[in-house]
Amino acid sequence: MEVIKTTAKIGAIATGALFAVYMLNLDQKLLAWAYARVNEIFDRKEVDIKF
């Protein structure tokens, strides 16, 4: 019975966390931040493409 209670608690916590991420759009905010950092890195690199 204890295993079922523990599994239910873990499931409820995971569901609550995923719901918060979905409702607050945190995944897209994290990706937007990561894209900005990546663009900063690559914008500083020299371009050696010759057409």
C-alpha atoms as a PDB file:
ATOM      1  CA  MET A   1       0.000   0.000   0.000  1.00  0.00           C
ATOM      2  CA  GLU A   2       2.925   2.316   0.741  1.00  0.00           C
ATOM      3  CA  VAL A   3       4.261   1.844  -2.788  1.00  0.00           C
ATOM      4  CA  ILE A   4       0.957   2.973  -4.265  1.00  0.00           C
ATOM      5  CA  LYS A   5       0.915   6.094  -2.079  1.00  0.00           C
ATOM      6  CA  THR A   6       4.492   6.958  -3.049  1.00  0.00           C
ATOM      7  CA  THR A   7       3.748   6.401  -6.733  1.00  0.00           C
ATOM      8  CA  ALA A   8       0.624   8.580  -6.484  1.00  0.00           C
ATOM      9  CA  LYS A   9       2.600  11.374  -4.779  1.00  0.00           C
ATOM     10  CA  ILE A  10       5.329  11.288  -7.401  1.00  0.00           C
ATOM     11  CA  GLY A  11       2.734  11.272 -10.180  1.00  0.00           C
ATOM     12  CA  ALA A  12       0.868  14.210  -8.649  1.00  0.00           C
ATOM     13  CA  ILE A  13       4.068  16.228  -8.246  1.00  0.00           C
ATOM     14  CA  ALA A  14       5.162  15.492 -11.814  1.00  0.00           C
ATOM     15  CA  THR A  15       1.721  16.386 -13.184  1.00  0.00           C
ATOM     16  CA  GLY A  16       1.685  19.635 -11.211  1.00  0.00           C
ATOM     17  CA  ALA A  17       5.165  20.596 -12.381  1.00  0.00           C
ATOM     18  CA  LEU A  18       4.344  19.855 -16.031  1.00  0.00           C
ATOM     19  CA  PHE A  19       1.090  21.810 -15.755  1.00  0.00           C
ATOM     20  CA  ALA A  20       2.958  24.830 -14.348  1.00  0.00           C
ATOM     21  CA  VAL A  21       5.529  24.667 -17.163  1.00  0.00           C
ATOM     22  CA  TYR A  22       2.717  24.468 -19.735  1.00  0.00           C
ATOM     23  CA  MET A  23       0.582  27.260 -18.288  1.00  0.00           C
ATOM     24  CA  LEU A  24       3.486  29.675 -17.772  1.00  0.00           C
ATOM     25  CA  ASN A  25       5.036  28.821 -21.157  1.00  0.00           C
ATOM     26  CA  LEU A  26       8.387  28.214 -19.451  1.00  0.00           C
ATOM     27  CA  ASP A  27       9.700  25.883 -22.151  1.00  0.00           C
ATOM     28  CA  GLN A  28       9.464  28.575 -24.835  1.00  0.00           C
ATOM     29  CA  LYS A  29      10.964  31.176 -22.510  1.00  0.00           C
ATOM     30  CA  LEU A  30      13.924  28.888 -21.834  1.00  0.00           C
ATOM     31  CA  LEU A  31      14.420  28.221 -25.548  1.00  0.00           C
ATOM     32  CA  ALA A  32      14.229  31.944 -26.370  1.00  0.00           C
ATOM     33  CA  TRP A  33      16.920  32.619 -23.768  1.00  0.00           C
ATOM     34  CA  ALA A  34      19.107  29.790 -25.126  1.00  0.00           C
ATOM     35  CA  TYR A  35      18.724  30.985 -28.740  1.00  0.00           C
ATOM     36  CA  ALA A  36      19.748  34.494 -27.710  1.00  0.00           C
ATOM     37  CA  ARG A  37      22.925  33.157 -26.032  1.00  0.00           C
ATOM     38  CA  VAL A  38      23.770  30.967 -29.051  1.00  0.00           C
ATOM     39  CA  ASN A  39      23.257  33.884 -31.438  1.00  0.00           C
ATOM     40  CA  GLU A  40      25.577  36.047 -29.328  1.00  0.00           C
ATOM     41  CA  ILE A  41      28.289  33.391 -29.617  1.00  0.00           C
ATOM     42  CA  PHE A  42      27.947  32.897 -33.369  1.00  0.00           C
ATOM     43  CA  ASP A  43      27.560  36.603 -34.164  1.00  0.00           C
ATOM     44  CA  ARG A  44      31.079  37.179 -32.777  1.00  0.00           C
ATOM     45  CA  LYS A  45      32.678  34.562 -35.028  1.00  0.00           C
ATOM     46  CA  GLU A  46      34.506  35.587 -38.176  1.00  0.00           C
ATOM     47  CA  VAL A  47      32.783  34.710 -41.411  1.00  0.00           C
ATOM     48  CA  ASP A  48      34.997  33.054 -44.005  1.00  0.00           C
ATOM     49  CA  ILE A  49      32.410  32.366 -46.689  1.00  0.00           C
ATOM     50  CA  LYS A  50      33.402  33.723 -50.094  1.00  0.00           C
ATOM     51  CA  PHE A  51      30.827  33.849 -52.839  1.00  0.00           C
END
